Amino acid sequence: MAQASKSEVVEFRRGITARSLAIGLPLTAIYAVLTAIVRLYTDKPNTFGGFIIPMIYLVAIFELLGRAKPKLRLTPQEWTFMFTLFVFLATISHLTFHAPANEVSLGWTAIVIGDYAAFGIESLRDYWSKAVPAVVIPPEPVRFEVANMLVNGRSPGQPIPWGAIIGPIVYWGLAILFYGFLSIFVTFTFGRPWVEEERLVFPLAIPSLYLFREAGEVSPGTNKARLFDLSIPATKVFWAMFFIGFVSSIYVVLAEILPVFPIGAWWGETKLNLPFLAAIWPGIYASAIFFLPQVAVGLMLTNDVLITLILGWVIFGVLYQGIGVAMGIIPYKPGMEYVWPWEDYPGIWMP
């Protein structure tokens, strides 16, 4: 006789509240200014691409405030919303392991100011200008004047033609907002089926979600968040691993102080080439990356998820690429076995 399955009732709480807005928006504005300064005036923009206080320290600050005044204690949903705002400032690295390594949406920046760079080239600007509508960039000849300001700097006392550039500013602002809302639409459309029905795993989201859940829930009979209640065994494990992570991440800082220290390259991503695999089958992807946050997340994942990751490399990195090179479909180039995952050149054809 089949047993009746009990459907779990999921309670949805608001993350966008007056409290989260009052805290998140001012912090985002402050972080944005400091991020721009760090990005523009340091010689290591790929390591210090943003200025954002890691969430663990904000959690500790608001834990103290929450104990003094419970109304200041934030919920997991509010933490998640505020974290989403901060992610826009440091993108990939902050999203995965709360580090300010990546710059502020470099792709959007290149799109917005890329035309001005072309206008700064005398032999190219007239041809390039014919292809760019005035709604995107100010009309001629103001666009050339603005381009000269961006490329060569403003002259003393030179006015900024706000009347001509306000339209393009509005255009790109709306374009970026549309892009953001498109991402939100996709998340709300497919997110629930992915999580609740298909039970898909998003490994790099686990640390953040655990942190926000434990920081936003109070242990019964105490005035402590679960994250700071050491009577809970899981909390003891969390802080032990936090200490290990803090110590082990020092090597990234050492790489900036002592550049000859090789393992700290690329904000902790250490490339490991596997020449014996390349010798067995030329053309396959015979390289790996040692990355401490991914190692830590991997310890929390089940074997089926880990096996899926390995199968993905075998299918797309070994079979797809190796067979393609052997058949002549993908042209072989010496060293293609060891490229970075985001590196591109003729000869590496990603599926």
Protein backbone atom coordinates (compact mmCIF):
# COMPACT_ATOMS: atom_id res chain seq x y z
CA MET A 1 0.00 0.00 0.00
CA ALA A 2 1.50 3.27 -1.07
CA GLN A 3 2.08 5.84 1.60
CA ALA A 4 0.64 9.31 1.10
CA SER A 5 3.41 11.82 0.62
CA LYS A 6 3.29 14.90 2.79
CA SER A 7 3.93 18.11 0.92
CA GLU A 8 6.24 20.47 2.75
CA VAL A 9 4.80 23.92 3.35
CA VAL A 10 7.36 26.55 2.41
CA GLU A 11 7.04 29.97 4.02
CA PHE A 12 8.28 32.88 1.94
CA ARG A 13 9.43 36.00 3.75
CA ARG A 14 10.28 39.40 2.35
CA GLY A 15 13.91 40.34 1.99
CA ILE A 16 13.30 43.84 0.63
CA THR A 17 12.15 45.64 3.76
CA ALA A 18 12.49 49.17 5.09
CA ARG A 19 15.22 47.89 7.39
CA SER A 20 17.27 46.13 4.69
CA LEU A 21 16.93 49.15 2.38
CA ALA A 22 17.96 51.59 5.13
CA ILE A 23 21.10 49.54 5.78
CA GLY A 24 21.90 48.13 2.35
CA LEU A 25 21.54 51.21 0.15
CA PRO A 26 23.83 53.56 2.15
CA LEU A 27 26.44 50.81 2.47
CA THR A 28 26.25 50.17 -1.28
CA ALA A 29 26.76 53.88 -2.01
CA ILE A 30 29.78 54.05 0.31
CA TYR A 31 31.22 50.82 -1.08
CA ALA A 32 30.75 52.08 -4.65
CA VAL A 33 32.89 55.18 -4.04
CA LEU A 34 35.59 53.24 -2.19
CA THR A 35 35.52 50.52 -4.85
CA ALA A 36 36.08 53.08 -7.61
CA ILE A 37 39.05 54.53 -5.70
CA VAL A 38 40.59 51.11 -5.10
CA ARG A 39 40.00 50.06 -8.68
CA LEU A 40 41.48 53.20 -10.23
CA TYR A 41 44.39 53.92 -7.92
CA THR A 42 45.96 50.55 -7.14
CA ASP A 43 48.26 48.58 -9.42
CA LYS A 44 46.57 45.26 -8.63
CA PRO A 45 43.00 45.74 -9.86
CA ASN A 46 42.44 42.01 -10.33
CA THR A 47 43.12 41.37 -6.64
CA PHE A 48 41.71 44.52 -5.09
CA GLY A 49 38.83 45.20 -7.43
CA GLY A 50 36.41 46.34 -4.77
CA PHE A 51 36.17 47.67 -1.23
CA ILE A 52 33.51 45.69 0.59
CA ILE A 53 33.49 44.59 4.22
CA PRO A 54 33.13 40.77 4.17
CA MET A 55 29.67 39.65 5.24
CA ILE A 56 30.97 37.67 8.21
CA TYR A 57 32.10 40.91 9.87
CA LEU A 58 28.80 42.66 9.17
CA VAL A 59 27.04 39.66 10.68
CA ALA A 60 29.17 39.98 13.83
CA ILE A 61 28.43 43.73 14.10
CA PHE A 62 24.68 43.26 13.76
CA GLU A 63 24.76 40.36 16.19
CA LEU A 64 26.01 42.76 18.86
CA LEU A 65 23.40 45.34 17.86
CA GLY A 66 20.69 42.68 17.84
CA ARG A 67 21.52 41.55 21.35
CA ALA A 68 21.20 45.14 22.58
CA LYS A 69 18.07 45.85 20.53
CA PRO A 70 16.30 42.83 18.97
CA LYS A 71 14.61 45.01 16.32
CA LEU A 72 18.03 45.47 14.70
CA ARG A 73 18.43 41.73 14.18
CA LEU A 74 18.17 40.94 10.45
CA THR A 75 16.42 37.94 8.94
CA PRO A 76 18.09 35.52 6.49
CA GLN A 77 16.05 37.04 3.67
CA GLU A 78 17.23 40.55 4.51
CA TRP A 79 20.84 39.39 4.62
CA THR A 80 20.41 37.79 1.21
CA PHE A 81 18.96 40.97 -0.31
CA MET A 82 21.76 43.16 1.06
CA PHE A 83 24.35 40.67 -0.14
CA THR A 84 22.83 40.85 -3.64
CA LEU A 85 23.39 44.61 -3.71
CA PHE A 86 27.03 44.23 -2.72
CA VAL A 87 27.64 41.53 -5.33
CA PHE A 88 27.10 44.09 -8.10
CA LEU A 89 30.23 45.89 -6.89
CA ALA A 90 32.69 42.97 -6.87
CA THR A 91 30.90 40.40 -9.05
CA ILE A 92 32.22 36.85 -9.24
CA SER A 93 34.62 36.64 -6.33
CA HIS A 94 32.29 38.31 -3.83
CA LEU A 95 29.38 36.14 -4.94
CA THR A 96 31.28 32.91 -4.30
CA PHE A 97 33.61 33.56 -1.37
CA HIS A 98 32.95 37.15 -0.23
CA ALA A 99 36.24 38.57 -1.49
CA PRO A 100 36.46 41.90 -3.35
CA ALA A 101 38.70 40.60 -6.12
CA ASN A 102 36.78 41.37 -9.28
CA GLU A 103 36.08 44.80 -10.68
CA VAL A 104 32.72 46.51 -11.11
CA SER A 105 31.05 44.85 -14.10
CA LEU A 106 33.93 45.45 -16.49
CA GLY A 107 31.93 44.21 -19.47
CA TRP A 108 29.29 46.92 -19.05
CA THR A 109 32.00 49.54 -18.58
CA ALA A 110 33.68 48.52 -21.83
CA ILE A 111 30.38 48.67 -23.71
CA VAL A 112 29.49 52.13 -22.43
CA ILE A 113 32.85 53.85 -22.99
CA GLY A 114 34.22 51.68 -25.80
CA ASP A 115 32.94 54.01 -28.51
CA TYR A 116 34.71 56.96 -26.92
CA ALA A 117 38.00 55.08 -27.14
CA ALA A 118 37.42 54.62 -30.88
CA PHE A 119 36.61 58.32 -31.28
CA GLY A 120 39.98 59.11 -29.75
CA ILE A 121 41.72 57.53 -32.76
CA GLU A 122 41.92 60.16 -35.49
CA SER A 123 42.03 57.72 -38.42
CA LEU A 124 39.08 55.71 -37.11
CA ARG A 125 36.67 58.16 -35.53
CA ASP A 126 34.80 59.36 -38.65
CA TYR A 127 34.05 55.83 -39.84
CA TRP A 128 33.15 54.63 -36.34
CA SER A 129 30.91 57.61 -35.74
CA LYS A 130 28.68 56.70 -38.70
CA ALA A 131 27.73 53.43 -37.00
CA VAL A 132 26.87 54.85 -33.56
CA PRO A 133 23.41 56.45 -33.10
CA ALA A 134 23.06 59.64 -31.09
CA VAL A 135 20.83 57.99 -28.49
CA VAL A 136 23.78 55.84 -27.37
CA ILE A 137 26.54 58.47 -27.60
CA PRO A 138 26.13 62.29 -27.87
CA PRO A 139 25.85 63.59 -31.45
CA GLU A 140 28.71 65.06 -33.43
CA PRO A 141 30.80 67.06 -32.74
CA VAL A 142 30.15 66.80 -28.99
CA ARG A 143 30.96 63.09 -28.98
CA PHE A 144 34.49 63.85 -30.16
CA GLU A 145 34.87 66.48 -27.45
CA VAL A 146 33.75 64.03 -24.76
CA ALA A 147 36.04 61.36 -26.19
CA ASN A 148 38.99 63.72 -25.95
CA MET A 149 38.12 64.42 -22.30
CA LEU A 150 38.05 60.71 -21.49
CA VAL A 151 41.18 59.81 -23.43
CA ASN A 152 43.39 62.84 -22.77
CA GLY A 153 41.75 64.45 -19.74
CA ARG A 154 39.90 67.74 -19.30
CA SER A 155 41.59 71.06 -19.76
CA PRO A 156 41.56 73.45 -16.76
CA GLY A 157 38.11 75.02 -16.55
CA GLN A 158 36.73 73.02 -19.49
CA PRO A 159 32.97 72.52 -18.94
CA ILE A 160 31.28 69.14 -19.17
CA PRO A 161 28.48 69.16 -21.78
CA TRP A 162 25.84 67.70 -19.48
CA GLY A 163 23.00 68.62 -21.78
CA ALA A 164 24.39 66.39 -24.53
CA ILE A 165 25.41 63.43 -22.40
CA ILE A 166 22.36 63.19 -20.13
CA GLY A 167 20.40 61.31 -22.80
CA PRO A 168 23.02 58.55 -23.26
CA ILE A 169 23.38 58.31 -19.48
CA VAL A 170 19.64 57.64 -19.19
CA TYR A 171 19.82 55.16 -22.08
CA TRP A 172 22.63 53.08 -20.56
CA GLY A 173 21.07 53.32 -17.12
CA LEU A 174 17.84 51.83 -18.45
CA ALA A 175 19.79 49.19 -20.39
CA ILE A 176 21.63 48.07 -17.26
CA LEU A 177 18.38 48.07 -15.25
CA PHE A 178 16.73 45.97 -17.94
CA TYR A 179 19.62 43.52 -17.78
CA GLY A 180 19.23 43.30 -14.01
CA PHE A 181 15.47 42.79 -14.20
CA LEU A 182 15.99 40.15 -16.89
CA SER A 183 18.21 38.23 -14.48
CA ILE A 184 15.60 38.59 -11.74
CA PHE A 185 12.88 37.38 -14.14
CA VAL A 186 14.87 34.27 -15.05
CA THR A 187 15.55 33.56 -11.37
CA PHE A 188 11.92 33.86 -10.32
CA THR A 189 10.69 31.92 -13.37
CA PHE A 190 13.05 28.95 -13.16
CA GLY A 191 14.51 29.22 -9.67
CA ARG A 192 11.72 27.49 -7.79
CA PRO A 193 11.44 24.49 -10.18
CA TRP A 194 15.23 24.12 -10.15
CA VAL A 195 15.40 24.08 -6.35
CA GLU A 196 12.11 22.54 -5.20
CA GLU A 197 11.29 20.12 -8.02
CA GLU A 198 14.53 19.20 -9.76
CA ARG A 199 16.57 19.57 -6.55
CA LEU A 200 19.53 21.03 -8.42
CA VAL A 201 22.62 21.84 -6.38
CA PHE A 202 24.30 25.24 -6.57
CA PRO A 203 27.53 24.45 -4.70
CA LEU A 204 29.04 27.92 -4.49
CA ALA A 205 25.83 29.29 -2.96
CA ILE A 206 26.01 26.94 0.02
CA PRO A 207 28.44 28.95 2.21
CA SER A 208 26.52 32.22 1.82
CA LEU A 209 23.11 30.66 2.39
CA TYR A 210 24.34 28.81 5.46
CA LEU A 211 25.88 32.00 6.88
CA PHE A 212 22.72 34.06 6.35
CA ARG A 213 20.41 31.35 7.69
CA GLU A 214 22.38 30.82 10.88
CA ALA A 215 22.92 34.56 11.38
CA GLY A 216 19.22 35.33 11.01
CA GLU A 217 17.78 32.61 13.25
CA VAL A 218 17.88 32.91 17.05
CA SER A 219 18.47 29.86 19.23
CA PRO A 220 15.42 29.16 21.44
CA GLY A 221 15.79 30.46 24.98
CA THR A 222 18.79 32.62 24.14
CA ASN A 223 19.47 36.02 22.70
CA LYS A 224 22.06 34.58 20.32
CA ALA A 225 21.93 33.83 16.64
CA ARG A 226 22.57 30.18 15.88
CA LEU A 227 25.85 31.21 14.26
CA PHE A 228 27.16 32.33 17.67
CA ASP A 229 25.63 29.60 19.83
CA LEU A 230 28.57 27.31 20.56
CA SER A 231 26.28 24.74 22.19
CA ILE A 232 25.30 23.70 18.65
CA PRO A 233 27.82 21.17 17.24
CA ALA A 234 27.46 22.52 13.69
CA THR A 235 28.37 26.00 14.92
CA LYS A 236 31.58 24.69 16.48
CA VAL A 237 32.48 23.06 13.17
CA PHE A 238 31.72 26.31 11.32
CA TRP A 239 34.06 28.42 13.44
CA ALA A 240 36.79 25.78 13.36
CA MET A 241 36.62 25.77 9.56
CA PHE A 242 36.46 29.58 9.52
CA PHE A 243 39.74 29.70 11.43
CA ILE A 244 41.32 27.20 9.03
CA GLY A 245 40.06 29.23 6.07
CA PHE A 246 41.37 32.47 7.55
CA VAL A 247 44.84 31.03 8.05
CA SER A 248 44.95 29.25 4.69
CA SER A 249 43.91 32.40 2.79
CA ILE A 250 46.95 34.29 4.05
CA TYR A 251 48.91 32.93 1.10
CA VAL A 252 46.89 35.18 -1.23
CA VAL A 253 48.01 38.21 0.77
CA LEU A 254 51.58 36.95 0.74
CA ALA A 255 51.45 36.86 -3.05
CA GLU A 256 50.86 40.62 -3.06
CA ILE A 257 53.63 41.30 -0.54
CA LEU A 258 56.06 38.71 -1.91
CA PRO A 259 55.28 38.26 -5.63
CA VAL A 260 57.86 35.48 -5.91
CA PHE A 261 55.57 33.32 -3.77
CA PRO A 262 54.08 31.29 -6.65
CA ILE A 263 51.04 29.59 -5.13
CA GLY A 264 49.19 32.83 -4.47
CA ALA A 265 48.70 33.88 -8.08
CA TRP A 266 45.31 35.08 -9.33
CA TRP A 267 43.70 35.76 -5.93
CA GLY A 268 44.16 32.14 -4.85
CA GLU A 269 43.54 30.27 -8.07
CA THR A 270 46.65 28.18 -8.65
CA LYS A 271 46.97 26.55 -12.06
CA LEU A 272 48.13 22.93 -12.12
CA ASN A 273 49.16 21.56 -15.50
CA LEU A 274 49.04 17.79 -16.06
CA PRO A 275 51.63 17.10 -18.79
CA PHE A 276 51.30 13.32 -18.52
CA LEU A 277 47.68 13.60 -19.71
CA ALA A 278 48.66 15.87 -22.60
CA ALA A 279 51.33 13.36 -23.60
CA ILE A 280 48.78 10.54 -23.68
CA TRP A 281 46.24 12.44 -25.79
CA PRO A 282 47.36 15.76 -27.32
CA GLY A 283 44.66 18.39 -27.54
CA ILE A 284 42.63 17.46 -24.47
CA TYR A 285 42.15 19.84 -21.57
CA ALA A 286 44.99 18.68 -19.31
CA SER A 287 44.96 21.38 -16.69
CA ALA A 288 43.32 21.98 -13.33
CA ILE A 289 42.97 24.80 -10.83
CA PHE A 290 43.62 24.46 -7.11
CA PHE A 291 41.24 26.83 -5.40
CA LEU A 292 40.70 26.69 -1.64
CA PRO A 293 37.06 27.90 -1.60
CA GLN A 294 36.12 25.17 -4.08
CA VAL A 295 37.96 22.60 -1.99
CA ALA A 296 36.01 23.70 1.07
CA VAL A 297 32.70 23.59 -0.79
CA GLY A 298 33.60 20.19 -2.23
CA LEU A 299 33.87 18.77 1.28
CA MET A 300 30.18 19.57 1.82
CA LEU A 301 28.91 18.06 -1.44
CA THR A 302 27.60 14.56 -1.92
CA ASN A 303 29.45 12.04 -4.06
CA ASP A 304 26.93 12.20 -6.92
CA VAL A 305 27.61 15.93 -7.35
CA LEU A 306 31.37 15.43 -7.28
CA ILE A 307 31.13 12.57 -9.77
CA THR A 308 29.01 14.78 -12.06
CA LEU A 309 31.76 17.42 -12.06
CA ILE A 310 34.37 14.81 -13.02
CA LEU A 311 32.13 13.43 -15.77
CA GLY A 312 31.66 16.95 -17.11
CA TRP A 313 35.43 17.33 -17.48
CA VAL A 314 35.73 13.88 -19.12
CA ILE A 315 32.94 14.60 -21.62
CA PHE A 316 33.75 18.20 -22.57
CA GLY A 317 37.44 18.50 -21.70
CA VAL A 318 38.71 15.09 -22.79
CA LEU A 319 36.33 13.42 -25.25
CA TYR A 320 34.90 16.50 -26.98
CA GLN A 321 38.18 18.35 -27.31
CA GLY A 322 40.36 15.30 -27.90
CA ILE A 323 38.14 13.74 -30.57
CA GLY A 324 37.69 17.13 -32.24
CA VAL A 325 41.45 17.58 -32.54
CA ALA A 326 41.99 13.99 -33.69
CA MET A 327 39.38 14.40 -36.45
CA GLY A 328 40.73 17.78 -37.52
CA ILE A 329 37.49 19.59 -36.64
CA ILE A 330 39.27 21.63 -33.97
CA PRO A 331 42.68 22.90 -35.15
CA TYR A 332 45.51 21.95 -32.82
CA LYS A 333 47.72 24.61 -31.32
CA PRO A 334 50.68 23.77 -29.07
CA GLY A 335 49.85 24.55 -25.47
CA MET A 336 46.08 24.39 -25.87
CA GLU A 337 46.04 21.67 -23.22
CA TYR A 338 47.00 24.17 -20.52
CA VAL A 339 44.96 27.32 -21.20
CA TRP A 340 42.96 29.06 -18.50
CA PRO A 341 39.23 28.23 -18.71
CA TRP A 342 38.42 31.79 -19.83
CA GLU A 343 41.31 32.08 -22.29
CA ASP A 344 40.39 32.23 -25.97
CA TYR A 345 42.22 32.01 -29.26
CA PRO A 346 41.64 30.29 -32.65
CA GLY A 347 41.99 26.62 -31.94
CA ILE A 348 40.07 26.27 -28.70
CA TRP A 349 36.45 25.58 -29.50
CA MET A 350 34.32 25.34 -26.42
CA PRO A 351 31.04 23.38 -26.67
